[in-house]
Amino acid sequence: MKAPIEALSGEETARLAKDIFYLNMAELRQFCESHRIPYRIHAENAEGRIVQSADTDRKGVIMDRILHFLSTGEIKSKTVFRRSVTAMDRPDHPLNASDPVLYRHYRNHDREILSLMKQLTGGKFRFGAVAQEVLRTCWTRELAPTYLEFAKLWEKAAAAHSRPNPEWAFLTDVAKGAAGPDWKKRRSQKATAVVAILRKIR
């Protein structure tokens, strides 16, 4: 199978490699839809059927699928969270450290979850990409950590996260001292150029 990226010139390939991380989620989803690359999370329901959720994969996962498609022509399979890591109902008791963290129950900005996680991490926990990355990695492997285990995993991941992931373009530029007041305009210009290149992919 011919790699789609082979249709591009050397200059276009270099530009793509350098600036593709400046695409936002809407631009990434548009490319995925054009090439049938999955970007929505699916979950197994109580009847054992796999259904599409309203949630999308993390940007890093979507970028990985797109880059894999561009370099191989192959489409990676969609994310599926199995019934063992998916909540069917909310717990009928206050959360405690031994409860499993389940997809559909865990929600960003949930006050009860935040309070528990703050207690378990000495006040350090915060919702965000690191927490999502830890949990979705676990759920993909059909593992549902307890909140205590999640707290330990989050602390370890947060401590190891010394610099932004490549797909976090703004934070990467902040770390480099390259995120000035015109950053949004510069991002838009880079993204427009990348989208134009990607439109050449068939």
C-alpha atoms as a PDB file:
ATOM      1  CA  MET A   1       0.000   0.000   0.000  1.00  0.00           C
ATOM      2  CA  LYS A   2       1.337   3.399  -1.001  1.00  0.00           C
ATOM      3  CA  ALA A   3       1.751   5.878   1.841  1.00  0.00           C
ATOM      4  CA  PRO A   4      -0.494   8.944   1.289  1.00  0.00           C
ATOM      5  CA  ILE A   5       2.366  11.228   2.282  1.00  0.00           C
ATOM      6  CA  GLU A   6       4.268  10.114  -0.837  1.00  0.00           C
ATOM      7  CA  ALA A   7       1.917  12.312  -2.883  1.00  0.00           C
ATOM      8  CA  LEU A   8       3.490  15.395  -1.320  1.00  0.00           C
ATOM      9  CA  SER A   9       6.631  17.229  -2.266  1.00  0.00           C
ATOM     10  CA  GLY A  10       9.646  17.226   0.030  1.00  0.00           C
ATOM     11  CA  GLU A  11       8.902  20.798   1.066  1.00  0.00           C
ATOM     12  CA  GLU A  12       5.282  19.969   1.856  1.00  0.00           C
ATOM     13  CA  THR A  13       6.294  16.903   3.870  1.00  0.00           C
ATOM     14  CA  ALA A  14       8.746  18.978   5.901  1.00  0.00           C
ATOM     15  CA  ARG A  15       6.111  21.677   6.530  1.00  0.00           C
ATOM     16  CA  LEU A  16       3.621  19.032   7.603  1.00  0.00           C
ATOM     17  CA  ALA A  17       6.069  17.417  10.040  1.00  0.00           C
ATOM     18  CA  LYS A  18       6.881  20.795  11.561  1.00  0.00           C
ATOM     19  CA  ASP A  19       3.436  22.382  11.839  1.00  0.00           C
ATOM     20  CA  ILE A  20       0.770  19.659  11.936  1.00  0.00           C
ATOM     21  CA  PHE A  21       0.566  19.945  15.724  1.00  0.00           C
ATOM     22  CA  TYR A  22      -0.856  23.464  15.302  1.00  0.00           C
ATOM     23  CA  LEU A  23      -4.139  22.029  14.022  1.00  0.00           C
ATOM     24  CA  ASN A  24      -6.991  22.353  16.481  1.00  0.00           C
ATOM     25  CA  MET A  25      -9.507  19.621  17.241  1.00  0.00           C
ATOM     26  CA  ALA A  26     -12.070  20.852  14.705  1.00  0.00           C
ATOM     27  CA  GLU A  27      -9.453  20.789  11.930  1.00  0.00           C
ATOM     28  CA  LEU A  28      -8.264  17.333  12.972  1.00  0.00           C
ATOM     29  CA  ARG A  29     -11.815  15.963  13.059  1.00  0.00           C
ATOM     30  CA  GLN A  30     -12.474  17.336   9.579  1.00  0.00           C
ATOM     31  CA  PHE A  31      -9.468  15.448   8.204  1.00  0.00           C
ATOM     32  CA  CYS A  32     -10.514  12.292  10.051  1.00  0.00           C
ATOM     33  CA  GLU A  33     -14.024  12.473   8.622  1.00  0.00           C
ATOM     34  CA  SER A  34     -12.637  12.909   5.111  1.00  0.00           C
ATOM     35  CA  HIS A  35     -10.577   9.730   5.450  1.00  0.00           C
ATOM     36  CA  ARG A  36     -12.771   7.651   7.772  1.00  0.00           C
ATOM     37  CA  ILE A  37     -10.256   7.790  10.583  1.00  0.00           C
ATOM     38  CA  PRO A  38     -12.046   7.146  13.914  1.00  0.00           C
ATOM     39  CA  TYR A  39     -11.875   9.862  16.523  1.00  0.00           C
ATOM     40  CA  ARG A  40     -14.878   9.212  18.754  1.00  0.00           C
ATOM     41  CA  ILE A  41     -14.768   6.934  21.764  1.00  0.00           C
ATOM     42  CA  HIS A  42     -16.987   3.851  21.740  1.00  0.00           C
ATOM     43  CA  ALA A  43     -18.139   1.941  24.812  1.00  0.00           C
ATOM     44  CA  GLU A  44     -19.728  -1.412  25.522  1.00  0.00           C
ATOM     45  CA  ASN A  45     -23.205  -1.060  27.011  1.00  0.00           C
ATOM     46  CA  ALA A  46     -25.056  -3.337  29.449  1.00  0.00           C
ATOM     47  CA  GLU A  47     -26.291  -5.507  26.570  1.00  0.00           C
ATOM     48  CA  GLY A  48     -22.770  -5.984  25.258  1.00  0.00           C
ATOM     49  CA  ARG A  49     -23.232  -3.759  22.202  1.00  0.00           C
ATOM     50  CA  ILE A  50     -20.499  -1.332  21.175  1.00  0.00           C
ATOM     51  CA  VAL A  51     -22.002   2.153  20.858  1.00  0.00           C
ATOM     52  CA  GLN A  52     -20.495   5.488  19.898  1.00  0.00           C
ATOM     53  CA  SER A  53     -20.268   8.022  22.696  1.00  0.00           C
ATOM     54  CA  ALA A  54     -20.297  11.793  22.475  1.00  0.00           C
ATOM     55  CA  ASP A  55     -16.685  11.916  23.674  1.00  0.00           C
ATOM     56  CA  THR A  56     -13.690  12.258  21.396  1.00  0.00           C
ATOM     57  CA  ASP A  57     -10.251  10.774  21.805  1.00  0.00           C
ATOM     58  CA  ARG A  58      -7.445  12.876  23.230  1.00  0.00           C
ATOM     59  CA  LYS A  59      -5.649  15.053  20.711  1.00  0.00           C
ATOM     60  CA  GLY A  60      -2.513  12.930  21.022  1.00  0.00           C
ATOM     61  CA  VAL A  61      -4.426   9.760  20.103  1.00  0.00           C
ATOM     62  CA  ILE A  62      -6.030  11.429  17.090  1.00  0.00           C
ATOM     63  CA  MET A  63      -2.675  12.826  15.964  1.00  0.00           C
ATOM     64  CA  ASP A  64      -1.138   9.360  16.254  1.00  0.00           C
ATOM     65  CA  ARG A  65      -3.876   7.899  14.036  1.00  0.00           C
ATOM     66  CA  ILE A  66      -3.469  10.643  11.444  1.00  0.00           C
ATOM     67  CA  LEU A  67       0.321  10.350  11.320  1.00  0.00           C
ATOM     68  CA  HIS A  68       0.060   6.561  11.067  1.00  0.00           C
ATOM     69  CA  PHE A  69      -2.399   6.903   8.181  1.00  0.00           C
ATOM     70  CA  LEU A  70      -0.204   9.418   6.375  1.00  0.00           C
ATOM     71  CA  SER A  71       2.907   7.244   6.654  1.00  0.00           C
ATOM     72  CA  THR A  72       1.293   3.844   5.953  1.00  0.00           C
ATOM     73  CA  GLY A  73      -2.155   4.313   4.423  1.00  0.00           C
ATOM     74  CA  GLU A  74      -3.545   2.107   7.193  1.00  0.00           C
ATOM     75  CA  ILE A  75      -6.318   3.172   9.561  1.00  0.00           C
ATOM     76  CA  LYS A  76      -5.946   2.275  13.210  1.00  0.00           C
ATOM     77  CA  SER A  77      -8.966   0.878  15.025  1.00  0.00           C
ATOM     78  CA  LYS A  78     -11.278   3.006  17.143  1.00  0.00           C
ATOM     79  CA  THR A  79     -11.043   3.343  20.916  1.00  0.00           C
ATOM     80  CA  VAL A  80     -13.415   0.977  22.715  1.00  0.00           C
ATOM     81  CA  PHE A  81     -13.924   0.954  26.477  1.00  0.00           C
ATOM     82  CA  ARG A  82     -15.279  -2.388  27.623  1.00  0.00           C
ATOM     83  CA  ARG A  83     -18.143  -2.903  30.042  1.00  0.00           C
ATOM     84  CA  SER A  84     -15.721  -3.715  32.874  1.00  0.00           C
ATOM     85  CA  VAL A  85     -14.467  -0.100  32.904  1.00  0.00           C
ATOM     86  CA  THR A  86     -17.739   1.633  32.027  1.00  0.00           C
ATOM     87  CA  ALA A  87     -20.240   2.875  34.615  1.00  0.00           C
ATOM     88  CA  MET A  88     -23.870   2.017  33.972  1.00  0.00           C
ATOM     89  CA  ASP A  89     -25.208   4.051  36.911  1.00  0.00           C
ATOM     90  CA  ARG A  90     -23.864   6.566  39.405  1.00  0.00           C
ATOM     91  CA  PRO A  91     -22.798   5.082  42.749  1.00  0.00           C
ATOM     92  CA  ASP A  92     -25.530   5.210  45.403  1.00  0.00           C
ATOM     93  CA  HIS A  93     -23.005   6.165  48.085  1.00  0.00           C
ATOM     94  CA  PRO A  94     -20.455   8.941  48.616  1.00  0.00           C
ATOM     95  CA  LEU A  95     -17.216   8.318  46.757  1.00  0.00           C
ATOM     96  CA  ASN A  96     -14.368   6.743  48.648  1.00  0.00           C
ATOM     97  CA  ALA A  97     -10.776   5.848  47.844  1.00  0.00           C
ATOM     98  CA  SER A  98     -11.545   2.176  47.170  1.00  0.00           C
ATOM     99  CA  ASP A  99     -14.189   2.878  44.495  1.00  0.00           C
ATOM    100  CA  PRO A 100     -13.140   2.150  40.894  1.00  0.00           C
ATOM    101  CA  VAL A 101     -12.743   5.094  38.517  1.00  0.00           C
ATOM    102  CA  LEU A 102     -15.094   4.286  35.644  1.00  0.00           C
ATOM    103  CA  TYR A 103     -15.753   5.825  32.258  1.00  0.00           C
ATOM    104  CA  ARG A 104     -19.008   7.808  32.216  1.00  0.00           C
ATOM    105  CA  HIS A 105     -18.844   8.334  35.964  1.00  0.00           C
ATOM    106  CA  TYR A 106     -15.563  10.249  36.007  1.00  0.00           C
ATOM    107  CA  ARG A 107     -16.176  13.802  34.863  1.00  0.00           C
ATOM    108  CA  ASN A 108     -13.903  16.833  34.748  1.00  0.00           C
ATOM    109  CA  HIS A 109     -14.887  19.519  37.274  1.00  0.00           C
ATOM    110  CA  ASP A 110     -17.032  17.118  39.339  1.00  0.00           C
ATOM    111  CA  ARG A 111     -16.815  18.594  42.845  1.00  0.00           C
ATOM    112  CA  GLU A 112     -17.049  15.266  44.666  1.00  0.00           C
ATOM    113  CA  ILE A 113     -14.285  13.735  42.554  1.00  0.00           C
ATOM    114  CA  LEU A 114     -12.113  16.826  42.928  1.00  0.00           C
ATOM    115  CA  SER A 115     -12.539  16.827  46.704  1.00  0.00           C
ATOM    116  CA  LEU A 116     -11.593  13.158  47.013  1.00  0.00           C
ATOM    117  CA  MET A 117      -8.609  13.451  44.685  1.00  0.00           C
ATOM    118  CA  LYS A 118      -7.354  16.537  46.535  1.00  0.00           C
ATOM    119  CA  GLN A 119      -7.487  14.555  49.767  1.00  0.00           C
ATOM    120  CA  LEU A 120      -5.576  11.655  48.211  1.00  0.00           C
ATOM    121  CA  THR A 121      -2.836  13.833  46.679  1.00  0.00           C
ATOM    122  CA  GLY A 122      -2.240  16.334  49.451  1.00  0.00           C
ATOM    123  CA  GLY A 123      -4.130  19.025  47.575  1.00  0.00           C
ATOM    124  CA  LYS A 124      -2.056  18.684  44.394  1.00  0.00           C
ATOM    125  CA  PHE A 125      -4.581  17.077  42.026  1.00  0.00           C
ATOM    126  CA  ARG A 126      -6.090  19.060  39.197  1.00  0.00           C
ATOM    127  CA  PHE A 127      -8.279  18.071  36.295  1.00  0.00           C
ATOM    128  CA  GLY A 128      -6.597  18.234  32.921  1.00  0.00           C
ATOM    129  CA  ALA A 129      -4.785  16.415  30.164  1.00  0.00           C
ATOM    130  CA  VAL A 130      -2.497  14.408  32.455  1.00  0.00           C
ATOM    131  CA  ALA A 131      -5.460  12.976  34.368  1.00  0.00           C
ATOM    132  CA  GLN A 132      -7.281  12.143  31.125  1.00  0.00           C
ATOM    133  CA  GLU A 133      -4.179  10.501  29.688  1.00  0.00           C
ATOM    134  CA  VAL A 134      -3.706   8.314  32.769  1.00  0.00           C
ATOM    135  CA  LEU A 135      -7.332   7.181  32.916  1.00  0.00           C
ATOM    136  CA  ARG A 136      -7.870   6.592  29.220  1.00  0.00           C
ATOM    137  CA  THR A 137      -4.685   4.543  29.045  1.00  0.00           C
ATOM    138  CA  CYS A 138      -6.001   2.402  31.898  1.00  0.00           C
ATOM    139  CA  TRP A 139      -9.480   2.039  30.403  1.00  0.00           C
ATOM    140  CA  THR A 140      -8.081   1.099  26.992  1.00  0.00           C
ATOM    141  CA  ARG A 141      -6.238  -1.751  28.737  1.00  0.00           C
ATOM    142  CA  GLU A 142      -9.502  -2.762  30.456  1.00  0.00           C
ATOM    143  CA  LEU A 143      -8.217  -1.599  33.837  1.00  0.00           C
ATOM    144  CA  ALA A 144     -10.335   0.430  36.249  1.00  0.00           C
ATOM    145  CA  PRO A 145      -8.057   1.774  38.995  1.00  0.00           C
ATOM    146  CA  THR A 146      -9.457   2.714  42.366  1.00  0.00           C
ATOM    147  CA  TYR A 147      -9.361   6.405  43.217  1.00  0.00           C
ATOM    148  CA  LEU A 148      -6.393   5.700  45.488  1.00  0.00           C
ATOM    149  CA  GLU A 149      -4.559   3.948  42.651  1.00  0.00           C
ATOM    150  CA  PHE A 150      -5.522   6.748  40.266  1.00  0.00           C
ATOM    151  CA  ALA A 151      -4.119   9.306  42.723  1.00  0.00           C
ATOM    152  CA  LYS A 152      -0.776   7.496  42.783  1.00  0.00           C
ATOM    153  CA  LEU A 153      -0.700   7.118  38.993  1.00  0.00           C
ATOM    154  CA  TRP A 154      -1.567  10.791  38.542  1.00  0.00           C
ATOM    155  CA  GLU A 155       1.155  11.930  40.948  1.00  0.00           C
ATOM    156  CA  LYS A 156       3.731   9.812  39.127  1.00  0.00           C
ATOM    157  CA  ALA A 157       2.621  11.043  35.681  1.00  0.00           C
ATOM    158  CA  ALA A 158       2.465  14.682  36.782  1.00  0.00           C
ATOM    159  CA  ALA A 159       5.971  14.493  38.267  1.00  0.00           C
ATOM    160  CA  ALA A 160       7.346  12.926  35.070  1.00  0.00           C
ATOM    161  CA  HIS A 161       5.669  15.511  32.845  1.00  0.00           C
ATOM    162  CA  SER A 162       8.555  17.951  32.616  1.00  0.00           C
ATOM    163  CA  ARG A 163       7.564  19.402  29.241  1.00  0.00           C
ATOM    164  CA  PRO A 164       4.377  19.561  27.145  1.00  0.00           C
ATOM    165  CA  ASN A 165       3.378  16.822  24.726  1.00  0.00           C
ATOM    166  CA  PRO A 166       4.082  17.756  21.074  1.00  0.00           C
ATOM    167  CA  GLU A 167       0.357  18.065  20.313  1.00  0.00           C
ATOM    168  CA  TRP A 168       0.014  20.815  22.934  1.00  0.00           C
ATOM    169  CA  ALA A 169       1.281  23.431  20.507  1.00  0.00           C
ATOM    170  CA  PHE A 170       0.556  26.494  22.632  1.00  0.00           C
ATOM    171  CA  LEU A 171       2.206  25.080  25.769  1.00  0.00           C
ATOM    172  CA  THR A 172       5.156  23.897  23.690  1.00  0.00           C
ATOM    173  CA  ASP A 173       5.626  27.430  22.369  1.00  0.00           C
ATOM    174  CA  VAL A 174       5.242  28.847  25.880  1.00  0.00           C
ATOM    175  CA  ALA A 175       8.040  26.545  27.043  1.00  0.00           C
ATOM    176  CA  LYS A 176      10.189  27.780  24.155  1.00  0.00           C
ATOM    177  CA  GLY A 177       9.341  31.423  24.843  1.00  0.00           C
ATOM    178  CA  ALA A 178       7.666  31.647  21.432  1.00  0.00           C
ATOM    179  CA  ALA A 179       4.053  32.298  22.457  1.00  0.00           C
ATOM    180  CA  GLY A 180       3.701  36.052  22.029  1.00  0.00           C
ATOM    181  CA  PRO A 181       0.503  38.124  21.827  1.00  0.00           C
ATOM    182  CA  ASP A 182       0.140  37.215  18.132  1.00  0.00           C
ATOM    183  CA  TRP A 183       0.172  33.467  18.825  1.00  0.00           C
ATOM    184  CA  LYS A 184      -3.442  32.845  17.772  1.00  0.00           C
ATOM    185  CA  LYS A 185      -2.843  34.596  14.454  1.00  0.00           C
ATOM    186  CA  ARG A 186       0.374  32.633  13.889  1.00  0.00           C
ATOM    187  CA  ARG A 187      -1.381  29.357  14.770  1.00  0.00           C
ATOM    188  CA  SER A 188      -4.136  30.142  12.285  1.00  0.00           C
ATOM    189  CA  GLN A 189      -1.626  30.856   9.520  1.00  0.00           C
ATOM    190  CA  LYS A 190       0.288  27.639  10.175  1.00  0.00           C
ATOM    191  CA  ALA A 191      -2.901  25.600  10.395  1.00  0.00           C
ATOM    192  CA  THR A 192      -4.262  27.059   7.157  1.00  0.00           C
ATOM    193  CA  ALA A 193      -1.057  26.057   5.361  1.00  0.00           C
ATOM    194  CA  VAL A 194      -1.190  22.540   6.822  1.00  0.00           C
ATOM    195  CA  VAL A 195      -4.863  22.077   5.910  1.00  0.00           C
ATOM    196  CA  ALA A 196      -4.080  23.101   2.333  1.00  0.00           C
ATOM    197  CA  ILE A 197      -1.366  20.442   2.180  1.00  0.00           C
ATOM    198  CA  LEU A 198      -3.612  17.772   3.700  1.00  0.00           C
ATOM    199  CA  ARG A 199      -6.286  18.476   1.097  1.00  0.00           C
ATOM    200  CA  LYS A 200      -3.882  17.028  -1.471  1.00  0.00           C
ATOM    201  CA  ILE A 201      -4.124  13.643   0.258  1.00  0.00           C
ATOM    202  CA  ARG A 202      -6.511  11.271  -1.483  1.00  0.00           C
END
